[in-house]
Amino acid sequence: MLLPGLMAVTGVEELLFRQILFRWLEQQNISSKGTILATAVAFGGAHLGPLLIGGEVDGLFYLLQSVYMVWVGLLLGELRRASESWVISWAGHAGYNTTFLFVLSLIDDV
């Protein structure tokens, strides 16, 4: 039940970061590396949400997650650049999220 919603959110994230923002930065004549870095930092920043609005989970968790998401965003940005398609970065993002959920389900069963 969680997977369809997660895939939809993943699609929206990729549309925003690896299609709209990515293309806009390219149109501003930003280098490929600069575009990938900027979209990755924005992607990481988006994962700070609960920390910025005073979420109940420890702020350090969201800070570390955000830094990690910059790294994931760099990989997804490179997928986007190499393939010239945000759909490919969406597939990579969806694969990452599905794998992450699978690993969490294994940990939960232990």
PDB file of N, CA and C in Angstrom:
ATOM      1  N   MET A   1       0.815  -1.193   0.000  1.00  0.00           N
ATOM      2  CA  MET A   1       0.000   0.000   0.000  1.00  0.00           C
ATOM      3  C   MET A   1       0.862   1.261   0.000  1.00  0.00           C
ATOM      4  N   LEU A   2       1.995   1.195   0.659  1.00  0.00           N
ATOM      5  CA  LEU A   2       2.904   2.326   0.746  1.00  0.00           C
ATOM      6  C   LEU A   2       3.609   2.578  -0.591  1.00  0.00           C
ATOM      7  N   LEU A   3       3.890   1.515  -1.323  1.00  0.00           N
ATOM      8  CA  LEU A   3       4.687   1.618  -2.545  1.00  0.00           C
ATOM      9  C   LEU A   3       4.077   2.526  -3.614  1.00  0.00           C
ATOM     10  N   PRO A   4       2.789   2.444  -3.946  1.00  0.00           N
ATOM     11  CA  PRO A   4       2.242   3.354  -4.973  1.00  0.00           C
ATOM     12  C   PRO A   4       2.383   4.833  -4.606  1.00  0.00           C
ATOM     13  N   GLY A   5       2.133   5.165  -3.359  1.00  0.00           N
ATOM     14  CA  GLY A   5       2.285   6.551  -2.912  1.00  0.00           C
ATOM     15  C   GLY A   5       3.727   7.008  -2.975  1.00  0.00           C
ATOM     16  N   LEU A   6       4.620   6.115  -2.586  1.00  0.00           N
ATOM     17  CA  LEU A   6       6.040   6.441  -2.634  1.00  0.00           C
ATOM     18  C   LEU A   6       6.505   6.654  -4.068  1.00  0.00           C
ATOM     19  N   MET A   7       6.008   5.849  -4.991  1.00  0.00           N
ATOM     20  CA  MET A   7       6.381   6.014  -6.401  1.00  0.00           C
ATOM     21  C   MET A   7       5.846   7.332  -6.960  1.00  0.00           C
ATOM     22  N   ALA A   8       4.656   7.734  -6.513  1.00  0.00           N
ATOM     23  CA  ALA A   8       4.088   9.010  -6.964  1.00  0.00           C
ATOM     24  C   ALA A   8       4.915  10.179  -6.437  1.00  0.00           C
ATOM     25  N   VAL A   9       5.269  10.130  -5.157  1.00  0.00           N
ATOM     26  CA  VAL A   9       6.089  11.194  -4.577  1.00  0.00           C
ATOM     27  C   VAL A   9       7.454  11.237  -5.255  1.00  0.00           C
ATOM     28  N   THR A  10       8.015  10.074  -5.514  1.00  0.00           N
ATOM     29  CA  THR A  10       9.298   9.986  -6.213  1.00  0.00           C
ATOM     30  C   THR A  10       9.192  10.629  -7.590  1.00  0.00           C
ATOM     31  N   GLY A  11       8.105  10.364  -8.288  1.00  0.00           N
ATOM     32  CA  GLY A  11       7.895  10.966  -9.605  1.00  0.00           C
ATOM     33  C   GLY A  11       7.806  12.475  -9.532  1.00  0.00           C
ATOM     34  N   VAL A  12       7.113  12.987  -8.527  1.00  0.00           N
ATOM     35  CA  VAL A  12       6.985  14.439  -8.364  1.00  0.00           C
ATOM     36  C   VAL A  12       8.351  15.053  -8.044  1.00  0.00           C
ATOM     37  N   GLU A  13       9.112  14.415  -7.162  1.00  0.00           N
ATOM     38  CA  GLU A  13      10.455  14.918  -6.843  1.00  0.00           C
ATOM     39  C   GLU A  13      11.336  14.966  -8.088  1.00  0.00           C
ATOM     40  N   GLU A  14      11.313  13.901  -8.847  1.00  0.00           N
ATOM     41  CA  GLU A  14      12.150  13.870 -10.054  1.00  0.00           C
ATOM     42  C   GLU A  14      11.681  14.884 -11.078  1.00  0.00           C
ATOM     43  N   LEU A  15      10.394  15.050 -11.217  1.00  0.00           N
ATOM     44  CA  LEU A  15       9.866  16.053 -12.139  1.00  0.00           C
ATOM     45  C   LEU A  15      10.342  17.452 -11.725  1.00  0.00           C
ATOM     46  N   LEU A  16      10.271  17.760 -10.443  1.00  0.00           N
ATOM     47  CA  LEU A  16      10.674  19.077  -9.963  1.00  0.00           C
ATOM     48  C   LEU A  16      12.182  19.305 -10.052  1.00  0.00           C
ATOM     49  N   PHE A  17      12.957  18.341  -9.547  1.00  0.00           N
ATOM     50  CA  PHE A  17      14.402  18.553  -9.448  1.00  0.00           C
ATOM     51  C   PHE A  17      15.163  18.189 -10.720  1.00  0.00           C
ATOM     52  N   ARG A  18      14.856  17.048 -11.320  1.00  0.00           N
ATOM     53  CA  ARG A  18      15.634  16.589 -12.471  1.00  0.00           C
ATOM     54  C   ARG A  18      15.005  16.927 -13.812  1.00  0.00           C
ATOM     55  N   GLN A  19      13.846  17.567 -13.818  1.00  0.00           N
ATOM     56  CA  GLN A  19      13.263  18.023 -15.084  1.00  0.00           C
ATOM     57  C   GLN A  19      13.133  19.545 -15.062  1.00  0.00           C
ATOM     58  N   ILE A  20      12.297  20.066 -14.215  1.00  0.00           N
ATOM     59  CA  ILE A  20      12.028  21.509 -14.238  1.00  0.00           C
ATOM     60  C   ILE A  20      13.266  22.314 -13.834  1.00  0.00           C
ATOM     61  N   LEU A  21      13.804  22.054 -12.634  1.00  0.00           N
ATOM     62  CA  LEU A  21      14.973  22.805 -12.169  1.00  0.00           C
ATOM     63  C   LEU A  21      16.191  22.529 -13.040  1.00  0.00           C
ATOM     64  N   PHE A  22      16.407  21.281 -13.401  1.00  0.00           N
ATOM     65  CA  PHE A  22      17.551  20.898 -14.228  1.00  0.00           C
ATOM     66  C   PHE A  22      17.516  21.637 -15.566  1.00  0.00           C
ATOM     67  N   ARG A  23      16.372  21.608 -16.227  1.00  0.00           N
ATOM     68  CA  ARG A  23      16.254  22.273 -17.536  1.00  0.00           C
ATOM     69  C   ARG A  23      16.393  23.781 -17.404  1.00  0.00           C
ATOM     70  N   TRP A  24      15.816  24.358 -16.345  1.00  0.00           N
ATOM     71  CA  TRP A  24      15.935  25.796 -16.153  1.00  0.00           C
ATOM     72  C   TRP A  24      17.401  26.198 -15.980  1.00  0.00           C
ATOM     73  N   LEU A  25      18.144  25.439 -15.172  1.00  0.00           N
ATOM     74  CA  LEU A  25      19.563  25.738 -14.969  1.00  0.00           C
ATOM     75  C   LEU A  25      20.345  25.584 -16.270  1.00  0.00           C
ATOM     76  N   GLU A  26      20.019  24.566 -17.044  1.00  0.00           N
ATOM     77  CA  GLU A  26      20.677  24.401 -18.348  1.00  0.00           C
ATOM     78  C   GLU A  26      20.407  25.616 -19.241  1.00  0.00           C
ATOM     79  N   GLN A  27      19.191  26.123 -19.218  1.00  0.00           N
ATOM     80  CA  GLN A  27      18.830  27.280 -20.042  1.00  0.00           C
ATOM     81  C   GLN A  27      19.546  28.552 -19.578  1.00  0.00           C
ATOM     82  N   GLN A  28      20.005  28.555 -18.332  1.00  0.00           N
ATOM     83  CA  GLN A  28      20.762  29.690 -17.810  1.00  0.00           C
ATOM     84  C   GLN A  28      22.254  29.557 -18.134  1.00  0.00           C
ATOM     85  N   ASN A  29      22.588  28.576 -18.952  1.00  0.00           N
ATOM     86  CA  ASN A  29      23.973  28.294 -19.352  1.00  0.00           C
ATOM     87  C   ASN A  29      24.872  27.917 -18.178  1.00  0.00           C
ATOM     88  N   ILE A  30      24.287  27.241 -17.192  1.00  0.00           N
ATOM     89  CA  ILE A  30      25.062  26.697 -16.079  1.00  0.00           C
ATOM     90  C   ILE A  30      25.711  25.410 -16.593  1.00  0.00           C
ATOM     91  N   SER A  31      26.950  25.158 -16.202  1.00  0.00           N
ATOM     92  CA  SER A  31      27.644  23.947 -16.650  1.00  0.00           C
ATOM     93  C   SER A  31      26.907  22.697 -16.167  1.00  0.00           C
ATOM     94  N   SER A  32      27.193  21.574 -16.795  1.00  0.00           N
ATOM     95  CA  SER A  32      26.568  20.306 -16.381  1.00  0.00           C
ATOM     96  C   SER A  32      26.878  20.000 -14.929  1.00  0.00           C
ATOM     97  N   LYS A  33      28.138  20.182 -14.538  1.00  0.00           N
ATOM     98  CA  LYS A  33      28.515  19.912 -13.142  1.00  0.00           C
ATOM     99  C   LYS A  33      27.794  20.851 -12.182  1.00  0.00           C
ATOM    100  N   GLY A  34      27.689  22.130 -12.557  1.00  0.00           N
ATOM    101  CA  GLY A  34      26.988  23.094 -11.722  1.00  0.00           C
ATOM    102  C   GLY A  34      25.511  22.779 -11.605  1.00  0.00           C
ATOM    103  N   THR A  35      24.911  22.353 -12.717  1.00  0.00           N
ATOM    104  CA  THR A  35      23.494  21.988 -12.720  1.00  0.00           C
ATOM    105  C   THR A  35      23.246  20.784 -11.830  1.00  0.00           C
ATOM    106  N   ILE A  36      24.094  19.780 -11.961  1.00  0.00           N
ATOM    107  CA  ILE A  36      23.947  18.567 -11.139  1.00  0.00           C
ATOM    108  C   ILE A  36      24.127  18.914  -9.667  1.00  0.00           C
ATOM    109  N   LEU A  37      25.146  19.709  -9.349  1.00  0.00           N
ATOM    110  CA  LEU A  37      25.394  20.082  -7.954  1.00  0.00           C
ATOM    111  C   LEU A  37      24.239  20.905  -7.386  1.00  0.00           C
ATOM    112  N   ALA A  38      23.750  21.879  -8.149  1.00  0.00           N
ATOM    113  CA  ALA A  38      22.654  22.726  -7.666  1.00  0.00           C
ATOM    114  C   ALA A  38      21.383  21.920  -7.427  1.00  0.00           C
ATOM    115  N   THR A  39      21.057  21.012  -8.340  1.00  0.00           N
ATOM    116  CA  THR A  39      19.840  20.204  -8.144  1.00  0.00           C
ATOM    117  C   THR A  39      20.010  19.233  -6.982  1.00  0.00           C
ATOM    118  N   ALA A  40      21.233  18.730  -6.796  1.00  0.00           N
ATOM    119  CA  ALA A  40      21.489  17.810  -5.679  1.00  0.00           C
ATOM    120  C   ALA A  40      21.367  18.526  -4.338  1.00  0.00           C
ATOM    121  N   VAL A  41      21.899  19.752  -4.253  1.00  0.00           N
ATOM    122  CA  VAL A  41      21.801  20.520  -3.005  1.00  0.00           C
ATOM    123  C   VAL A  41      20.337  20.883  -2.720  1.00  0.00           C
ATOM    124  N   ALA A  42      19.599  21.259  -3.755  1.00  0.00           N
ATOM    125  CA  ALA A  42      18.168  21.553  -3.576  1.00  0.00           C
ATOM    126  C   ALA A  42      17.418  20.307  -3.120  1.00  0.00           C
ATOM    127  N   PHE A  43      17.753  19.159  -3.707  1.00  0.00           N
ATOM    128  CA  PHE A  43      17.141  17.885  -3.342  1.00  0.00           C
ATOM    129  C   PHE A  43      17.439  17.557  -1.877  1.00  0.00           C
ATOM    130  N   GLY A  44      18.691  17.720  -1.481  1.00  0.00           N
ATOM    131  CA  GLY A  44      19.057  17.483  -0.081  1.00  0.00           C
ATOM    132  C   GLY A  44      18.325  18.441   0.847  1.00  0.00           C
ATOM    133  N   GLY A  45      18.248  19.708   0.444  1.00  0.00           N
ATOM    134  CA  GLY A  45      17.547  20.696   1.253  1.00  0.00           C
ATOM    135  C   GLY A  45      16.075  20.376   1.429  1.00  0.00           C
ATOM    136  N   ALA A  46      15.475  19.807   0.408  1.00  0.00           N
ATOM    137  CA  ALA A  46      14.061  19.435   0.493  1.00  0.00           C
ATOM    138  C   ALA A  46      13.830  18.372   1.563  1.00  0.00           C
ATOM    139  N   HIS A  47      14.846  17.596   1.860  1.00  0.00           N
ATOM    140  CA  HIS A  47      14.714  16.552   2.877  1.00  0.00           C
ATOM    141  C   HIS A  47      14.963  17.071   4.294  1.00  0.00           C
ATOM    142  N   LEU A  48      15.188  18.367   4.424  1.00  0.00           N
ATOM    143  CA  LEU A  48      15.307  18.995   5.746  1.00  0.00           C
ATOM    144  C   LEU A  48      13.945  19.399   6.302  1.00  0.00           C
ATOM    145  N   GLY A  49      12.895  19.256   5.504  1.00  0.00           N
ATOM    146  CA  GLY A  49      11.563  19.728   5.858  1.00  0.00           C
ATOM    147  C   GLY A  49      11.162  19.603   7.305  1.00  0.00           C
ATOM    148  N   PRO A  50      11.122  18.397   7.869  1.00  0.00           N
ATOM    149  CA  PRO A  50      10.681  18.253   9.262  1.00  0.00           C
ATOM    150  C   PRO A  50      11.570  19.011  10.251  1.00  0.00           C
ATOM    151  N   LEU A  51      12.849  19.129   9.945  1.00  0.00           N
ATOM    152  CA  LEU A  51      13.748  19.876  10.825  1.00  0.00           C
ATOM    153  C   LEU A  51      13.385  21.360  10.800  1.00  0.00           C
ATOM    154  N   LEU A  52      13.071  21.877   9.627  1.00  0.00           N
ATOM    155  CA  LEU A  52      12.761  23.295   9.475  1.00  0.00           C
ATOM    156  C   LEU A  52      11.422  23.677  10.088  1.00  0.00           C
ATOM    157  N   ILE A  53      10.492  22.731  10.153  1.00  0.00           N
ATOM    158  CA  ILE A  53       9.182  23.056  10.727  1.00  0.00           C
ATOM    159  C   ILE A  53       9.017  22.515  12.149  1.00  0.00           C
ATOM    160  N   GLY A  54      10.142  22.099  12.752  1.00  0.00           N
ATOM    161  CA  GLY A  54      10.097  21.655  14.143  1.00  0.00           C
ATOM    162  C   GLY A  54       9.512  20.277  14.337  1.00  0.00           C
ATOM    163  N   GLY A  55       9.902  19.351  13.476  1.00  0.00           N
ATOM    164  CA  GLY A  55       9.417  17.978  13.584  1.00  0.00           C
ATOM    165  C   GLY A  55       9.817  17.333  14.901  1.00  0.00           C
ATOM    166  N   GLU A  56       9.148  16.256  15.239  1.00  0.00           N
ATOM    167  CA  GLU A  56       9.380  15.597  16.519  1.00  0.00           C
ATOM    168  C   GLU A  56      10.637  14.730  16.533  1.00  0.00           C
ATOM    169  N   VAL A  57      11.081  14.285  15.358  1.00  0.00           N
ATOM    170  CA  VAL A  57      12.268  13.440  15.292  1.00  0.00           C
ATOM    171  C   VAL A  57      13.495  14.315  15.486  1.00  0.00           C
ATOM    172  N   ASP A  58      14.523  13.752  16.093  1.00  0.00           N
ATOM    173  CA  ASP A  58      15.769  14.460  16.351  1.00  0.00           C
ATOM    174  C   ASP A  58      16.286  15.171  15.103  1.00  0.00           C
ATOM    175  N   GLY A  59      16.610  16.441  15.241  1.00  0.00           N
ATOM    176  CA  GLY A  59      17.090  17.250  14.131  1.00  0.00           C
ATOM    177  C   GLY A  59      18.344  16.701  13.490  1.00  0.00           C
ATOM    178  N   LEU A  60      19.220  16.056  14.257  1.00  0.00           N
ATOM    179  CA  LEU A  60      20.442  15.496  13.697  1.00  0.00           C
ATOM    180  C   LEU A  60      20.129  14.445  12.641  1.00  0.00           C
ATOM    181  N   PHE A  61      19.081  13.666  12.851  1.00  0.00           N
ATOM    182  CA  PHE A  61      18.671  12.665  11.864  1.00  0.00           C
ATOM    183  C   PHE A  61      18.386  13.328  10.521  1.00  0.00           C
ATOM    184  N   TYR A  62      17.598  14.396  10.542  1.00  0.00           N
ATOM    185  CA  TYR A  62      17.236  15.063   9.288  1.00  0.00           C
ATOM    186  C   TYR A  62      18.421  15.774   8.660  1.00  0.00           C
ATOM    187  N   LEU A  63      19.309  16.293   9.481  1.00  0.00           N
ATOM    188  CA  LEU A  63      20.507  16.928   8.944  1.00  0.00           C
ATOM    189  C   LEU A  63      21.375  15.901   8.228  1.00  0.00           C
ATOM    190  N   LEU A  64      21.612  14.764   8.852  1.00  0.00           N
ATOM    191  CA  LEU A  64      22.409  13.705   8.228  1.00  0.00           C
ATOM    192  C   LEU A  64      21.714  13.141   6.996  1.00  0.00           C
ATOM    193  N   GLN A  65      20.402  12.976   7.074  1.00  0.00           N
ATOM    194  CA  GLN A  65      19.652  12.482   5.928  1.00  0.00           C
ATOM    195  C   GLN A  65      19.779  13.464   4.768  1.00  0.00           C
ATOM    196  N   SER A  66      19.718  14.737   5.060  1.00  0.00           N
ATOM    197  CA  SER A  66      19.814  15.751   4.016  1.00  0.00           C
ATOM    198  C   SER A  66      21.176  15.706   3.334  1.00  0.00           C
ATOM    199  N   VAL A  67      22.233  15.572   4.114  1.00  0.00           N
ATOM    200  CA  VAL A  67      23.586  15.468   3.542  1.00  0.00           C
ATOM    201  C   VAL A  67      23.677  14.222   2.673  1.00  0.00           C
ATOM    202  N   TYR A  68      23.150  13.115   3.154  1.00  0.00           N
ATOM    203  CA  TYR A  68      23.151  11.874   2.376  1.00  0.00           C
ATOM    204  C   TYR A  68      22.344  12.045   1.088  1.00  0.00           C
ATOM    205  N   MET A  69      21.218  12.763   1.173  1.00  0.00           N
ATOM    206  CA  MET A  69      20.381  12.969  -0.011  1.00  0.00           C
ATOM    207  C   MET A  69      21.068  13.848  -1.054  1.00  0.00           C
ATOM    208  N   VAL A  70      21.995  14.710  -0.634  1.00  0.00           N
ATOM    209  CA  VAL A  70      22.789  15.461  -1.614  1.00  0.00           C
ATOM    210  C   VAL A  70      23.594  14.466  -2.444  1.00  0.00           C
ATOM    211  N   TRP A  71      24.193  13.485  -1.783  1.00  0.00           N
ATOM    212  CA  TRP A  71      24.973  12.461  -2.496  1.00  0.00           C
ATOM    213  C   TRP A  71      24.074  11.670  -3.448  1.00  0.00           C
ATOM    214  N   VAL A  72      22.912  11.260  -2.972  1.00  0.00           N
ATOM    215  CA  VAL A  72      21.952  10.546  -3.833  1.00  0.00           C
ATOM    216  C   VAL A  72      21.542  11.449  -5.000  1.00  0.00           C
ATOM    217  N   GLY A  73      21.310  12.728  -4.712  1.00  0.00           N
ATOM    218  CA  GLY A  73      20.949  13.684  -5.754  1.00  0.00           C
ATOM    219  C   GLY A  73      22.034  13.844  -6.809  1.00  0.00           C
ATOM    220  N   LEU A  74      23.291  13.759  -6.394  1.00  0.00           N
ATOM    221  CA  LEU A  74      24.399  13.816  -7.362  1.00  0.00           C
ATOM    222  C   LEU A  74      24.335  12.617  -8.312  1.00  0.00           C
ATOM    223  N   LEU A  75      24.080  11.455  -7.754  1.00  0.00           N
ATOM    224  CA  LEU A  75      23.970  10.254  -8.593  1.00  0.00           C
ATOM    225  C   LEU A  75      22.771  10.349  -9.541  1.00  0.00           C
ATOM    226  N   LEU A  76      21.643  10.789  -9.027  1.00  0.00           N
ATOM    227  CA  LEU A  76      20.452  10.922  -9.868  1.00  0.00           C
ATOM    228  C   LEU A  76      20.643  12.001 -10.930  1.00  0.00           C
ATOM    229  N   GLY A  77      21.320  13.077 -10.563  1.00  0.00           N
ATOM    230  CA  GLY A  77      21.611  14.132 -11.528  1.00  0.00           C
ATOM    231  C   GLY A  77      22.511  13.644 -12.645  1.00  0.00           C
ATOM    232  N   GLU A  78      23.476  12.819 -12.290  1.00  0.00           N
ATOM    233  CA  GLU A  78      24.353  12.255 -13.323  1.00  0.00           C
ATOM    234  C   GLU A  78      23.584  11.297 -14.226  1.00  0.00           C
ATOM    235  N   LEU A  79      22.673  10.528 -13.650  1.00  0.00           N
ATOM    236  CA  LEU A  79      21.800   9.680 -14.474  1.00  0.00           C
ATOM    237  C   LEU A  79      20.992  10.535 -15.446  1.00  0.00           C
ATOM    238  N   ARG A  80      20.465  11.634 -14.939  1.00  0.00           N
ATOM    239  CA  ARG A  80      19.671  12.548 -15.768  1.00  0.00           C
ATOM    240  C   ARG A  80      20.511  13.140 -16.898  1.00  0.00           C
ATOM    241  N   ARG A  81      21.720  13.575 -16.560  1.00  0.00           N
ATOM    242  CA  ARG A  81      22.597  14.171 -17.557  1.00  0.00           C
ATOM    243  C   ARG A  81      22.996  13.160 -18.618  1.00  0.00           C
ATOM    244  N   ALA A  82      23.414  11.975 -18.190  1.00  0.00           N
ATOM    245  CA  ALA A  82      23.886  10.950 -19.124  1.00  0.00           C
ATOM    246  C   ALA A  82      22.777  10.432 -20.030  1.00  0.00           C
ATOM    247  N   SER A  83      21.582  10.303 -19.488  1.00  0.00           N
ATOM    248  CA  SER A  83      20.464   9.744 -20.262  1.00  0.00           C
ATOM    249  C   SER A  83      19.663  10.813 -20.993  1.00  0.00           C
ATOM    250  N   GLU A  84      19.823  12.069 -20.558  1.00  0.00           N
ATOM    251  CA  GLU A  84      19.024  13.181 -21.071  1.00  0.00           C
ATOM    252  C   GLU A  84      17.522  12.949 -20.871  1.00  0.00           C
ATOM    253  N   SER A  85      17.187  12.243 -19.787  1.00  0.00           N
ATOM    254  CA  SER A  85      15.793  11.935 -19.498  1.00  0.00           C
ATOM    255  C   SER A  85      15.565  11.898 -17.990  1.00  0.00           C
ATOM    256  N   TRP A  86      14.589  12.681 -17.526  1.00  0.00           N
ATOM    257  CA  TRP A  86      14.268  12.631 -16.108  1.00  0.00           C
ATOM    258  C   TRP A  86      13.568  11.318 -15.755  1.00  0.00           C
ATOM    259  N   VAL A  87      13.015  10.644 -16.738  1.00  0.00           N
ATOM    260  CA  VAL A  87      12.342   9.365 -16.477  1.00  0.00           C
ATOM    261  C   VAL A  87      13.361   8.317 -16.010  1.00  0.00           C
ATOM    262  N   ILE A  88      14.570   8.372 -16.561  1.00  0.00           N
ATOM    263  CA  ILE A  88      15.621   7.436 -16.141  1.00  0.00           C
ATOM    264  C   ILE A  88      16.045   7.731 -14.705  1.00  0.00           C
ATOM    265  N   SER A  89      16.164   9.019 -14.354  1.00  0.00           N
ATOM    266  CA  SER A  89      16.514   9.335 -12.965  1.00  0.00           C
ATOM    267  C   SER A  89      15.358   8.941 -12.033  1.00  0.00           C
ATOM    268  N   TRP A  90      14.117   9.047 -12.520  1.00  0.00           N
ATOM    269  CA  TRP A  90      12.975   8.592 -11.724  1.00  0.00           C
ATOM    270  C   TRP A  90      13.075   7.084 -11.480  1.00  0.00           C
ATOM    271  N   ALA A  91      13.425   6.336 -12.515  1.00  0.00           N
ATOM    272  CA  ALA A  91      13.568   4.880 -12.352  1.00  0.00           C
ATOM    273  C   ALA A  91      14.666   4.561 -11.335  1.00  0.00           C
ATOM    274  N   GLY A  92      15.772   5.302 -11.400  1.00  0.00           N
ATOM    275  CA  GLY A  92      16.841   5.101 -10.417  1.00  0.00           C
ATOM    276  C   GLY A  92      16.388   5.454  -9.020  1.00  0.00           C
ATOM    277  N   HIS A  93      15.665   6.541  -8.883  1.00  0.00           N
ATOM    278  CA  HIS A  93      15.146   6.982  -7.590  1.00  0.00           C
ATOM    279  C   HIS A  93      14.133   5.971  -7.051  1.00  0.00           C
ATOM    280  N   ALA A  94      13.257   5.499  -7.934  1.00  0.00           N
ATOM    281  CA  ALA A  94      12.263   4.494  -7.532  1.00  0.00           C
ATOM    282  C   ALA A  94      12.947   3.202  -7.093  1.00  0.00           C
ATOM    283  N   GLY A  95      13.970   2.805  -7.821  1.00  0.00           N
ATOM    284  CA  GLY A  95      14.733   1.609  -7.439  1.00  0.00           C
ATOM    285  C   GLY A  95      15.403   1.779  -6.086  1.00  0.00           C
ATOM    286  N   TYR A  96      15.970   2.952  -5.856  1.00  0.00           N
ATOM    287  CA  TYR A  96      16.609   3.249  -4.568  1.00  0.00           C
ATOM    288  C   TYR A  96      15.579   3.157  -3.443  1.00  0.00           C
ATOM    289  N   ASN A  97      14.428   3.818  -3.618  1.00  0.00           N
ATOM    290  CA  ASN A  97      13.401   3.813  -2.575  1.00  0.00           C
ATOM    291  C   ASN A  97      12.847   2.421  -2.319  1.00  0.00           C
ATOM    292  N   THR A  98      12.636   1.660  -3.379  1.00  0.00           N
ATOM    293  CA  THR A  98      12.125   0.297  -3.225  1.00  0.00           C
ATOM    294  C   THR A  98      13.133  -0.564  -2.469  1.00  0.00           C
ATOM    295  N   THR A  99      14.401  -0.441  -2.817  1.00  0.00           N
ATOM    296  CA  THR A  99      15.453  -1.195  -2.120  1.00  0.00           C
ATOM    297  C   THR A  99      15.515  -0.798  -0.657  1.00  0.00           C
ATOM    298  N   PHE A 100      15.428   0.504  -0.392  1.00  0.00           N
ATOM    299  CA  PHE A 100      15.464   1.003   0.977  1.00  0.00           C
ATOM    300  C   PHE A 100      14.297   0.445   1.793  1.00  0.00           C
ATOM    301  N   LEU A 101      13.098   0.446   1.210  1.00  0.00           N
ATOM    302  CA  LEU A 101      11.933  -0.120   1.902  1.00  0.00           C
ATOM    303  C   LEU A 101      12.106  -1.612   2.166  1.00  0.00           C
ATOM    304  N   PHE A 102      12.668  -2.325   1.193  1.00  0.00           N
ATOM    305  CA  PHE A 102      12.907  -3.758   1.352  1.00  0.00           C
ATOM    306  C   PHE A 102      13.874  -4.021   2.508  1.00  0.00           C
ATOM    307  N   VAL A 103      14.965  -3.268   2.543  1.00  0.00           N
ATOM    308  CA  VAL A 103      15.950  -3.435   3.620  1.00  0.00           C
ATOM    309  C   VAL A 103      15.311  -3.108   4.976  1.00  0.00           C
ATOM    310  N   LEU A 104      14.530  -2.047   5.031  1.00  0.00           N
ATOM    311  CA  LEU A 104      13.851  -1.717   6.287  1.00  0.00           C
ATOM    312  C   LEU A 104      12.884  -2.821   6.718  1.00  0.00           C
ATOM    313  N   SER A 105      12.223  -3.443   5.751  1.00  0.00           N
ATOM    314  CA  SER A 105      11.303  -4.537   6.107  1.00  0.00           C
ATOM    315  C   SER A 105      12.075  -5.730   6.651  1.00  0.00           C
ATOM    316  N   LEU A 106      13.274  -5.963   6.153  1.00  0.00           N
ATOM    317  CA  LEU A 106      14.090  -7.060   6.663  1.00  0.00           C
ATOM    318  C   LEU A 106      14.554  -6.764   8.083  1.00  0.00           C
ATOM    319  N   ILE A 107      14.942  -5.531   8.331  1.00  0.00           N
ATOM    320  CA  ILE A 107      15.386  -5.131   9.667  1.00  0.00           C
ATOM    321  C   ILE A 107      14.237  -5.224  10.646  1.00  0.00           C
ATOM    322  N   ASP A 108      13.043  -4.817  10.214  1.00  0.00           N
ATOM    323  CA  ASP A 108      11.859  -4.844  11.054  1.00  0.00           C
ATOM    324  C   ASP A 108      11.492  -6.274  11.445  1.00  0.00           C
ATOM    325  N   ASP A 109      11.798  -7.237  10.551  1.00  0.00           N
ATOM    326  CA  ASP A 109      11.458  -8.638  10.823  1.00  0.00           C
ATOM    327  C   ASP A 109      12.443  -9.305  11.773  1.00  0.00           C
ATOM    328  N   VAL A 110      13.582  -8.699  12.003  1.00  0.00           N
ATOM    329  CA  VAL A 110      14.628  -9.312  12.858  1.00  0.00           C
ATOM    330  C   VAL A 110      14.262  -9.193  14.303  1.00  0.00           C
TER     331      VAL A 110
END
